[in-house]
PDB file of all heavy atoms in Angstrom:
ATOM      1  N   GLY A   1       0.848  -1.173  -0.026  1.00  0.00           N
ATOM      2  CA  GLY A   1       0.032   0.007  -0.027  1.00  0.00           C
ATOM      3  C   GLY A   1       0.831   1.214  -0.044  1.00  0.00           C
ATOM      4  O   GLY A   1       0.535   2.286  -0.709  1.00  0.00           O
ATOM      5  N   ALA A   2       1.949   1.195   0.687  1.00  0.00           N
ATOM      6  CA  ALA A   2       2.866   2.348   0.813  1.00  0.00           C
ATOM      7  C   ALA A   2       3.410   2.625  -0.643  1.00  0.00           C
ATOM      8  O   ALA A   2       3.678   3.801  -1.010  1.00  0.00           O
ATOM      9  CB  ALA A   2       3.962   2.203   1.776  1.00  0.00           C
ATOM     10  N   ALA A   3       3.820   1.557  -1.325  1.00  0.00           N
ATOM     11  CA  ALA A   3       4.439   1.697  -2.679  1.00  0.00           C
ATOM     12  C   ALA A   3       3.416   2.360  -3.549  1.00  0.00           C
ATOM     13  O   ALA A   3       3.784   3.252  -4.344  1.00  0.00           O
ATOM     14  CB  ALA A   3       4.790   0.297  -3.131  1.00  0.00           C
ATOM     15  N   ARG A   4       2.202   2.046  -3.501  1.00  0.00           N
ATOM     16  CA  ARG A   4       1.116   2.619  -4.281  1.00  0.00           C
ATOM     17  C   ARG A   4       0.964   4.159  -3.915  1.00  0.00           C
ATOM     18  O   ARG A   4       0.685   4.986  -4.698  1.00  0.00           O
ATOM     19  CB  ARG A   4      -0.134   1.841  -4.189  1.00  0.00           C
ATOM     20  CG  ARG A   4      -0.187   0.494  -4.686  1.00  0.00           C
ATOM     21  CD  ARG A   4      -1.537  -0.125  -4.754  1.00  0.00           C
ATOM     22  NE  ARG A   4      -1.487  -1.436  -5.479  1.00  0.00           N
ATOM     23  CZ  ARG A   4      -2.489  -2.005  -6.135  1.00  0.00           C
ATOM     24  NH1 ARG A   4      -3.547  -1.329  -6.306  1.00  0.00           N
ATOM     25  NH2 ARG A   4      -2.376  -3.084  -6.623  1.00  0.00           N
ATOM     26  N   TYR A   5       0.989   4.355  -2.655  1.00  0.00           N
ATOM     27  CA  TYR A   5       0.858   5.670  -2.149  1.00  0.00           C
ATOM     28  C   TYR A   5       2.004   6.591  -2.663  1.00  0.00           C
ATOM     29  O   TYR A   5       1.742   7.726  -3.089  1.00  0.00           O
ATOM     30  CB  TYR A   5       0.850   5.657  -0.585  1.00  0.00           C
ATOM     31  CG  TYR A   5       0.839   7.098  -0.018  1.00  0.00           C
ATOM     32  CD1 TYR A   5      -0.182   7.928  -0.103  1.00  0.00           C
ATOM     33  CD2 TYR A   5       1.919   7.515   0.876  1.00  0.00           C
ATOM     34  CE1 TYR A   5      -0.229   9.238   0.403  1.00  0.00           C
ATOM     35  CE2 TYR A   5       1.970   8.725   1.419  1.00  0.00           C
ATOM     36  CZ  TYR A   5       0.892   9.620   1.222  1.00  0.00           C
ATOM     37  OH  TYR A   5       0.815  10.815   1.865  1.00  0.00           O
ATOM     38  N   ILE A   6       3.188   6.097  -2.647  1.00  0.00           N
ATOM     39  CA  ILE A   6       4.382   6.830  -3.136  1.00  0.00           C
ATOM     40  C   ILE A   6       4.286   7.068  -4.613  1.00  0.00           C
ATOM     41  O   ILE A   6       4.565   8.099  -5.088  1.00  0.00           O
ATOM     42  CB  ILE A   6       5.727   6.175  -2.877  1.00  0.00           C
ATOM     43  CG1 ILE A   6       5.905   5.969  -1.377  1.00  0.00           C
ATOM     44  CG2 ILE A   6       6.862   6.823  -3.513  1.00  0.00           C
ATOM     45  CD1 ILE A   6       5.858   7.312  -0.584  1.00  0.00           C
ATOM     46  N   ASN A   7       3.648   6.124  -5.303  1.00  0.00           N
ATOM     47  CA  ASN A   7       3.444   6.300  -6.726  1.00  0.00           C
ATOM     48  C   ASN A   7       2.431   7.444  -6.960  1.00  0.00           C
ATOM     49  O   ASN A   7       2.736   8.380  -7.774  1.00  0.00           O
ATOM     50  CB  ASN A   7       2.852   5.019  -7.311  1.00  0.00           C
ATOM     51  CG  ASN A   7       2.589   5.050  -8.878  1.00  0.00           C
ATOM     52  OD1 ASN A   7       1.921   5.840  -9.383  1.00  0.00           O
ATOM     53  ND2 ASN A   7       3.504   4.235  -9.499  1.00  0.00           N
ATOM     54  N   TYR A   8       1.477   7.586  -6.152  1.00  0.00           N
ATOM     55  CA  TYR A   8       0.522   8.714  -6.159  1.00  0.00           C
ATOM     56  C   TYR A   8       1.198   9.979  -5.945  1.00  0.00           C
ATOM     57  O   TYR A   8       1.030  11.045  -6.570  1.00  0.00           O
ATOM     58  CB  TYR A   8      -0.634   8.487  -5.220  1.00  0.00           C
ATOM     59  CG  TYR A   8      -1.432   9.760  -4.892  1.00  0.00           C
ATOM     60  CD1 TYR A   8      -2.388  10.132  -5.810  1.00  0.00           C
ATOM     61  CD2 TYR A   8      -1.193  10.391  -3.761  1.00  0.00           C
ATOM     62  CE1 TYR A   8      -3.114  11.359  -5.504  1.00  0.00           C
ATOM     63  CE2 TYR A   8      -1.984  11.535  -3.417  1.00  0.00           C
ATOM     64  CZ  TYR A   8      -2.875  11.957  -4.347  1.00  0.00           C
ATOM     65  OH  TYR A   8      -3.555  13.180  -4.046  1.00  0.00           O
ATOM     66  N   VAL A   9       2.079  10.021  -4.850  1.00  0.00           N
ATOM     67  CA  VAL A   9       2.771  11.293  -4.407  1.00  0.00           C
ATOM     68  C   VAL A   9       3.664  11.748  -5.494  1.00  0.00           C
ATOM     69  O   VAL A   9       3.659  12.952  -5.798  1.00  0.00           O
ATOM     70  CB  VAL A   9       3.579  10.975  -3.052  1.00  0.00           C
ATOM     71  CG1 VAL A   9       4.528  12.095  -2.802  1.00  0.00           C
ATOM     72  CG2 VAL A   9       2.589  10.669  -1.941  1.00  0.00           C
ATOM     73  N   LEU A  10       4.438  10.858  -6.138  1.00  0.00           N
ATOM     74  CA  LEU A  10       5.332  11.230  -7.139  1.00  0.00           C
ATOM     75  C   LEU A  10       4.486  11.769  -8.406  1.00  0.00           C
ATOM     76  O   LEU A  10       4.856  12.660  -9.054  1.00  0.00           O
ATOM     77  CB  LEU A  10       6.227  10.100  -7.572  1.00  0.00           C
ATOM     78  CG  LEU A  10       7.222   9.635  -6.516  1.00  0.00           C
ATOM     79  CD1 LEU A  10       8.008   8.422  -6.982  1.00  0.00           C
ATOM     80  CD2 LEU A  10       8.040  10.824  -6.100  1.00  0.00           C
ATOM     81  N   THR A  11       3.379  11.127  -8.757  1.00  0.00           N
ATOM     82  CA  THR A  11       2.520  11.609  -9.826  1.00  0.00           C
ATOM     83  C   THR A  11       2.012  12.971  -9.538  1.00  0.00           C
ATOM     84  O   THR A  11       1.908  13.867 -10.526  1.00  0.00           O
ATOM     85  CB  THR A  11       1.351  10.642  -9.935  1.00  0.00           C
ATOM     86  OG1 THR A  11       1.853   9.352 -10.288  1.00  0.00           O
ATOM     87  CG2 THR A  11       0.400  11.094 -11.214  1.00  0.00           C
ATOM     88  N   GLU A  12       1.684  13.309  -8.328  1.00  0.00           N
ATOM     89  CA  GLU A  12       1.035  14.552  -7.922  1.00  0.00           C
ATOM     90  C   GLU A  12       2.009  15.718  -7.797  1.00  0.00           C
ATOM     91  O   GLU A  12       1.899  16.841  -8.141  1.00  0.00           O
ATOM     92  CB  GLU A  12       0.198  14.468  -6.819  1.00  0.00           C
ATOM     93  CG  GLU A  12      -1.094  13.630  -6.933  1.00  0.00           C
ATOM     94  CD  GLU A  12      -2.074  14.283  -7.885  1.00  0.00           C
ATOM     95  OE1 GLU A  12      -2.283  15.547  -7.780  1.00  0.00           O
ATOM     96  OE2 GLU A  12      -2.643  13.624  -8.774  1.00  0.00           O
ATOM     97  N   TYR A  13       3.264  15.384  -7.133  1.00  0.00           N
ATOM     98  CA  TYR A  13       4.146  16.315  -6.567  1.00  0.00           C
ATOM     99  C   TYR A  13       5.527  16.362  -7.325  1.00  0.00           C
ATOM    100  O   TYR A  13       6.371  17.213  -6.900  1.00  0.00           O
ATOM    101  CB  TYR A  13       4.189  16.329  -5.110  1.00  0.00           C
ATOM    102  CG  TYR A  13       2.890  16.396  -4.411  1.00  0.00           C
ATOM    103  CD1 TYR A  13       2.338  15.351  -3.728  1.00  0.00           C
ATOM    104  CD2 TYR A  13       2.196  17.560  -4.462  1.00  0.00           C
ATOM    105  CE1 TYR A  13       1.225  15.423  -3.079  1.00  0.00           C
ATOM    106  CE2 TYR A  13       0.926  17.725  -3.834  1.00  0.00           C
ATOM    107  CZ  TYR A  13       0.508  16.571  -3.156  1.00  0.00           C
ATOM    108  OH  TYR A  13      -0.761  16.673  -2.481  1.00  0.00           O
ATOM    109  N   ALA A  14       5.812  15.402  -8.133  1.00  0.00           N
ATOM    110  CA  ALA A  14       7.198  15.251  -8.665  1.00  0.00           C
ATOM    111  C   ALA A  14       7.193  15.602 -10.174  1.00  0.00           C
ATOM    112  O   ALA A  14       8.016  15.060 -10.820  1.00  0.00           O
ATOM    113  CB  ALA A  14       7.698  13.896  -8.378  1.00  0.00           C
ATOM    114  N   THR A  15       6.271  16.413 -10.725  1.00  0.00           N
ATOM    115  CA  THR A  15       6.179  16.682 -12.043  1.00  0.00           C
ATOM    116  C   THR A  15       7.339  17.578 -12.428  1.00  0.00           C
ATOM    117  O   THR A  15       7.765  18.449 -11.696  1.00  0.00           O
ATOM    118  CB  THR A  15       4.824  17.316 -12.449  1.00  0.00           C
ATOM    119  OG1 THR A  15       4.602  18.430 -11.604  1.00  0.00           O
ATOM    120  CG2 THR A  15       3.780  16.339 -12.276  1.00  0.00           C
ATOM    121  N   ASN A  16       7.823  17.449 -13.601  1.00  0.00           N
ATOM    122  CA  ASN A  16       8.874  18.275 -14.167  1.00  0.00           C
ATOM    123  C   ASN A  16      10.088  18.316 -13.310  1.00  0.00           C
ATOM    124  O   ASN A  16      10.893  19.362 -13.215  1.00  0.00           O
ATOM    125  CB  ASN A  16       8.368  19.686 -14.435  1.00  0.00           C
ATOM    126  CG  ASN A  16       7.240  19.813 -15.357  1.00  0.00           C
ATOM    127  OD1 ASN A  16       7.317  19.184 -16.460  1.00  0.00           O
ATOM    128  ND2 ASN A  16       6.195  20.580 -15.107  1.00  0.00           N
ATOM    129  N   GLY A  17      10.456  17.233 -12.610  1.00  0.00           N
ATOM    130  CA  GLY A  17      11.641  17.102 -11.934  1.00  0.00           C
ATOM    131  C   GLY A  17      11.654  17.680 -10.455  1.00  0.00           C
ATOM    132  O   GLY A  17      12.593  17.912  -9.834  1.00  0.00           O
ATOM    133  N   ALA A  18      10.349  18.010  -9.963  1.00  0.00           N
ATOM    134  CA  ALA A  18      10.315  18.598  -8.665  1.00  0.00           C
ATOM    135  C   ALA A  18      10.569  17.504  -7.592  1.00  0.00           C
ATOM    136  O   ALA A  18      10.265  16.323  -7.808  1.00  0.00           O
ATOM    137  CB  ALA A  18       8.918  19.221  -8.417  1.00  0.00           C
ATOM    138  N   VAL A  19      11.176  17.949  -6.438  1.00  0.00           N
ATOM    139  CA  VAL A  19      11.293  17.028  -5.346  1.00  0.00           C
ATOM    140  C   VAL A  19      10.029  17.261  -4.345  1.00  0.00           C
ATOM    141  O   VAL A  19      10.057  18.394  -3.858  1.00  0.00           O
ATOM    142  CB  VAL A  19      12.667  17.333  -4.639  1.00  0.00           C
ATOM    143  CG1 VAL A  19      12.767  16.354  -3.481  1.00  0.00           C
ATOM    144  CG2 VAL A  19      13.792  17.165  -5.642  1.00  0.00           C
ATOM    145  N   PRO A  20       9.423  16.253  -4.076  1.00  0.00           N
ATOM    146  CA  PRO A  20       8.215  16.407  -3.123  1.00  0.00           C
ATOM    147  C   PRO A  20       8.696  16.813  -1.813  1.00  0.00           C
ATOM    148  O   PRO A  20       9.607  16.295  -1.258  1.00  0.00           O
ATOM    149  CB  PRO A  20       7.603  15.001  -3.086  1.00  0.00           C
ATOM    150  CG  PRO A  20       8.000  14.397  -4.430  1.00  0.00           C
ATOM    151  CD  PRO A  20       9.339  14.906  -4.696  1.00  0.00           C
ATOM    152  N   GLN A  21       8.081  17.747  -1.170  1.00  0.00           N
ATOM    153  CA  GLN A  21       8.361  18.306   0.150  1.00  0.00           C
ATOM    154  C   GLN A  21       7.631  17.415   1.197  1.00  0.00           C
ATOM    155  O   GLN A  21       6.580  16.882   0.913  1.00  0.00           O
ATOM    156  CB  GLN A  21       7.930  19.701   0.318  1.00  0.00           C
ATOM    157  CG  GLN A  21       8.681  20.619  -0.623  1.00  0.00           C
ATOM    158  CD  GLN A  21      10.068  20.594  -0.623  1.00  0.00           C
ATOM    159  OE1 GLN A  21      10.691  20.835   0.443  1.00  0.00           O
ATOM    160  NE2 GLN A  21      10.799  20.320  -1.727  1.00  0.00           N
ATOM    161  N   THR A  22       8.279  17.243   2.361  1.00  0.00           N
ATOM    162  CA  THR A  22       7.724  16.379   3.378  1.00  0.00           C
ATOM    163  C   THR A  22       6.315  16.937   3.832  1.00  0.00           C
ATOM    164  O   THR A  22       5.635  16.182   4.539  1.00  0.00           O
ATOM    165  CB  THR A  22       8.690  16.184   4.615  1.00  0.00           C
ATOM    166  OG1 THR A  22       8.975  17.480   5.005  1.00  0.00           O
ATOM    167  CG2 THR A  22       9.829  15.424   4.094  1.00  0.00           C
ATOM    168  N   THR A  23       6.070  18.253   3.574  1.00  0.00           N
ATOM    169  CA  THR A  23       4.771  18.625   4.022  1.00  0.00           C
ATOM    170  C   THR A  23       3.604  18.246   3.079  1.00  0.00           C
ATOM    171  O   THR A  23       2.501  18.476   3.335  1.00  0.00           O
ATOM    172  CB  THR A  23       4.765  20.284   4.032  1.00  0.00           C
ATOM    173  OG1 THR A  23       5.210  20.748   2.752  1.00  0.00           O
ATOM    174  CG2 THR A  23       5.756  20.808   5.047  1.00  0.00           C
ATOM    175  N   GLN A  24       3.971  17.642   1.940  1.00  0.00           N
ATOM    176  CA  GLN A  24       2.969  17.246   0.892  1.00  0.00           C
ATOM    177  C   GLN A  24       2.523  15.794   1.032  1.00  0.00           C
ATOM    178  O   GLN A  24       1.579  15.393   0.297  1.00  0.00           O
ATOM    179  CB  GLN A  24       3.480  17.519  -0.458  1.00  0.00           C
ATOM    180  CG  GLN A  24       3.901  18.963  -0.767  1.00  0.00           C
ATOM    181  CD  GLN A  24       4.617  19.168  -2.114  1.00  0.00           C
ATOM    182  OE1 GLN A  24       5.515  18.454  -2.398  1.00  0.00           O
ATOM    183  NE2 GLN A  24       4.128  20.186  -2.870  1.00  0.00           N
ATOM    184  N   PHE A  25       3.176  15.000   1.874  1.00  0.00           N
ATOM    185  CA  PHE A  25       2.737  13.605   2.034  1.00  0.00           C
ATOM    186  C   PHE A  25       3.157  13.123   3.451  1.00  0.00           C
ATOM    187  O   PHE A  25       3.861  13.775   4.220  1.00  0.00           O
ATOM    188  CB  PHE A  25       3.459  12.712   1.030  1.00  0.00           C
ATOM    189  CG  PHE A  25       5.021  12.710   1.091  1.00  0.00           C
ATOM    190  CD1 PHE A  25       5.645  11.695   1.757  1.00  0.00           C
ATOM    191  CD2 PHE A  25       5.813  13.824   0.575  1.00  0.00           C
ATOM    192  CE1 PHE A  25       7.024  11.658   1.947  1.00  0.00           C
ATOM    193  CE2 PHE A  25       7.170  13.756   0.626  1.00  0.00           C
ATOM    194  CZ  PHE A  25       7.791  12.710   1.397  1.00  0.00           C
ATOM    195  N   GLN A  26       2.454  11.968   3.818  1.00  0.00           N
ATOM    196  CA  GLN A  26       2.712  11.391   5.075  1.00  0.00           C
ATOM    197  C   GLN A  26       3.905  10.320   4.914  1.00  0.00           C
ATOM    198  O   GLN A  26       4.021   9.645   3.957  1.00  0.00           O
ATOM    199  CB  GLN A  26       1.500  10.632   5.627  1.00  0.00           C
ATOM    200  CG  GLN A  26       0.347  11.608   5.735  1.00  0.00           C
ATOM    201  CD  GLN A  26      -0.928  10.976   6.327  1.00  0.00           C
ATOM    202  OE1 GLN A  26      -0.811   9.938   7.011  1.00  0.00           O
ATOM    203  NE2 GLN A  26      -2.110  11.471   6.152  1.00  0.00           N
ATOM    204  N   TYR A  27       4.738  10.243   5.989  1.00  0.00           N
ATOM    205  CA  TYR A  27       5.883   9.442   5.929  1.00  0.00           C
ATOM    206  C   TYR A  27       6.285   8.687   7.131  1.00  0.00           C
ATOM    207  O   TYR A  27       7.206   7.992   7.213  1.00  0.00           O
ATOM    208  CB  TYR A  27       7.053  10.336   5.482  1.00  0.00           C
ATOM    209  CG  TYR A  27       7.286  11.551   6.352  1.00  0.00           C
ATOM    210  CD1 TYR A  27       7.999  11.511   7.498  1.00  0.00           C
ATOM    211  CD2 TYR A  27       6.711  12.733   5.977  1.00  0.00           C
ATOM    212  CE1 TYR A  27       8.156  12.635   8.320  1.00  0.00           C
ATOM    213  CE2 TYR A  27       6.754  13.821   6.826  1.00  0.00           C
ATOM    214  CZ  TYR A  27       7.529  13.755   7.900  1.00  0.00           C
ATOM    215  OH  TYR A  27       7.706  14.990   8.658  1.00  0.00           O
ATOM    216  N   GLN A  28       5.534   8.868   8.291  1.00  0.00           N
ATOM    217  CA  GLN A  28       5.924   8.399   9.586  1.00  0.00           C
ATOM    218  C   GLN A  28       4.781   7.779  10.270  1.00  0.00           C
ATOM    219  O   GLN A  28       3.695   8.469  10.495  1.00  0.00           O
ATOM    220  CB  GLN A  28       6.551   9.483  10.410  1.00  0.00           C
ATOM    221  CG  GLN A  28       7.131   8.958  11.702  1.00  0.00           C
ATOM    222  CD  GLN A  28       7.787  10.078  12.391  1.00  0.00           C
ATOM    223  OE1 GLN A  28       8.030  11.206  11.908  1.00  0.00           O
ATOM    224  NE2 GLN A  28       8.300   9.817  13.693  1.00  0.00           N
ATOM    225  N   ALA A  29       4.800   6.423  10.652  1.00  0.00           N
ATOM    226  CA  ALA A  29       3.646   5.811  11.321  1.00  0.00           C
ATOM    227  C   ALA A  29       2.256   5.949  10.655  1.00  0.00           C
ATOM    228  O   ALA A  29       1.330   6.277  11.166  1.00  0.00           O
ATOM    229  CB  ALA A  29       3.591   6.186  12.818  1.00  0.00           C
ATOM    230  N   VAL A  30       2.402   5.783   9.269  1.00  0.00           N
ATOM    231  CA  VAL A  30       1.085   5.940   8.551  1.00  0.00           C
ATOM    232  C   VAL A  30       0.310   4.664   8.578  1.00  0.00           C
ATOM    233  O   VAL A  30       0.775   3.596   8.222  1.00  0.00           O
ATOM    234  CB  VAL A  30       1.469   6.274   6.949  1.00  0.00           C
ATOM    235  CG1 VAL A  30       0.272   6.603   6.158  1.00  0.00           C
ATOM    236  CG2 VAL A  30       2.467   7.517   6.970  1.00  0.00           C
ATOM    237  N   PRO A  31      -1.005   4.769   8.988  1.00  0.00           N
ATOM    238  CA  PRO A  31      -1.804   3.589   9.142  1.00  0.00           C
ATOM    239  C   PRO A  31      -2.320   2.993   7.854  1.00  0.00           C
ATOM    240  O   PRO A  31      -2.715   3.747   6.914  1.00  0.00           O
ATOM    241  CB  PRO A  31      -2.972   4.141  10.035  1.00  0.00           C
ATOM    242  CG  PRO A  31      -3.048   5.590   9.684  1.00  0.00           C
ATOM    243  CD  PRO A  31      -1.704   6.028   9.373  1.00  0.00           C
ATOM    244  N   VAL A  32      -2.165   1.744   7.745  1.00  0.00           N
ATOM    245  CA  VAL A  32      -2.845   1.013   6.661  1.00  0.00           C
ATOM    246  C   VAL A  32      -3.525  -0.229   7.255  1.00  0.00           C
ATOM    247  O   VAL A  32      -3.015  -1.255   7.487  1.00  0.00           O
ATOM    248  CB  VAL A  32      -1.841   0.491   5.637  1.00  0.00           C
ATOM    249  CG1 VAL A  32      -2.396  -0.399   4.511  1.00  0.00           C
ATOM    250  CG2 VAL A  32      -0.944   1.650   5.023  1.00  0.00           C
ATOM    251  N   GLY A  33      -4.840   0.049   7.602  1.00  0.00           N
ATOM    252  CA  GLY A  33      -5.578  -0.991   8.318  1.00  0.00           C
ATOM    253  C   GLY A  33      -4.992  -0.969   9.774  1.00  0.00           C
ATOM    254  O   GLY A  33      -4.889   0.084  10.461  1.00  0.00           O
ATOM    255  N   ASP A  34      -4.674  -2.189  10.302  1.00  0.00           N
ATOM    256  CA  ASP A  34      -4.070  -2.261  11.637  1.00  0.00           C
ATOM    257  C   ASP A  34      -2.603  -2.090  11.635  1.00  0.00           C
ATOM    258  O   ASP A  34      -1.951  -2.104  12.686  1.00  0.00           O
ATOM    259  CB  ASP A  34      -4.508  -3.540  12.276  1.00  0.00           C
ATOM    260  CG  ASP A  34      -6.057  -3.567  12.551  1.00  0.00           C
ATOM    261  OD1 ASP A  34      -6.643  -2.552  12.861  1.00  0.00           O
ATOM    262  OD2 ASP A  34      -6.567  -4.722  12.578  1.00  0.00           O
ATOM    263  N   ALA A  35      -2.030  -2.068  10.445  1.00  0.00           N
ATOM    264  CA  ALA A  35      -0.591  -1.940  10.307  1.00  0.00           C
ATOM    265  C   ALA A  35      -0.145  -0.429  10.178  1.00  0.00           C
ATOM    266  O   ALA A  35      -1.020   0.434   9.930  1.00  0.00           O
ATOM    267  CB  ALA A  35      -0.029  -2.727   9.140  1.00  0.00           C
TER     268      ALA A  35
END
């Protein structure tokens, strides 16, 4: 699920070589169901 989420983040925020900022996505203790 995280891999799919990163795919989405890069699609939305990494266009034209931009580096996604940590304010634009979740990266720490992100819930996926009970995990």
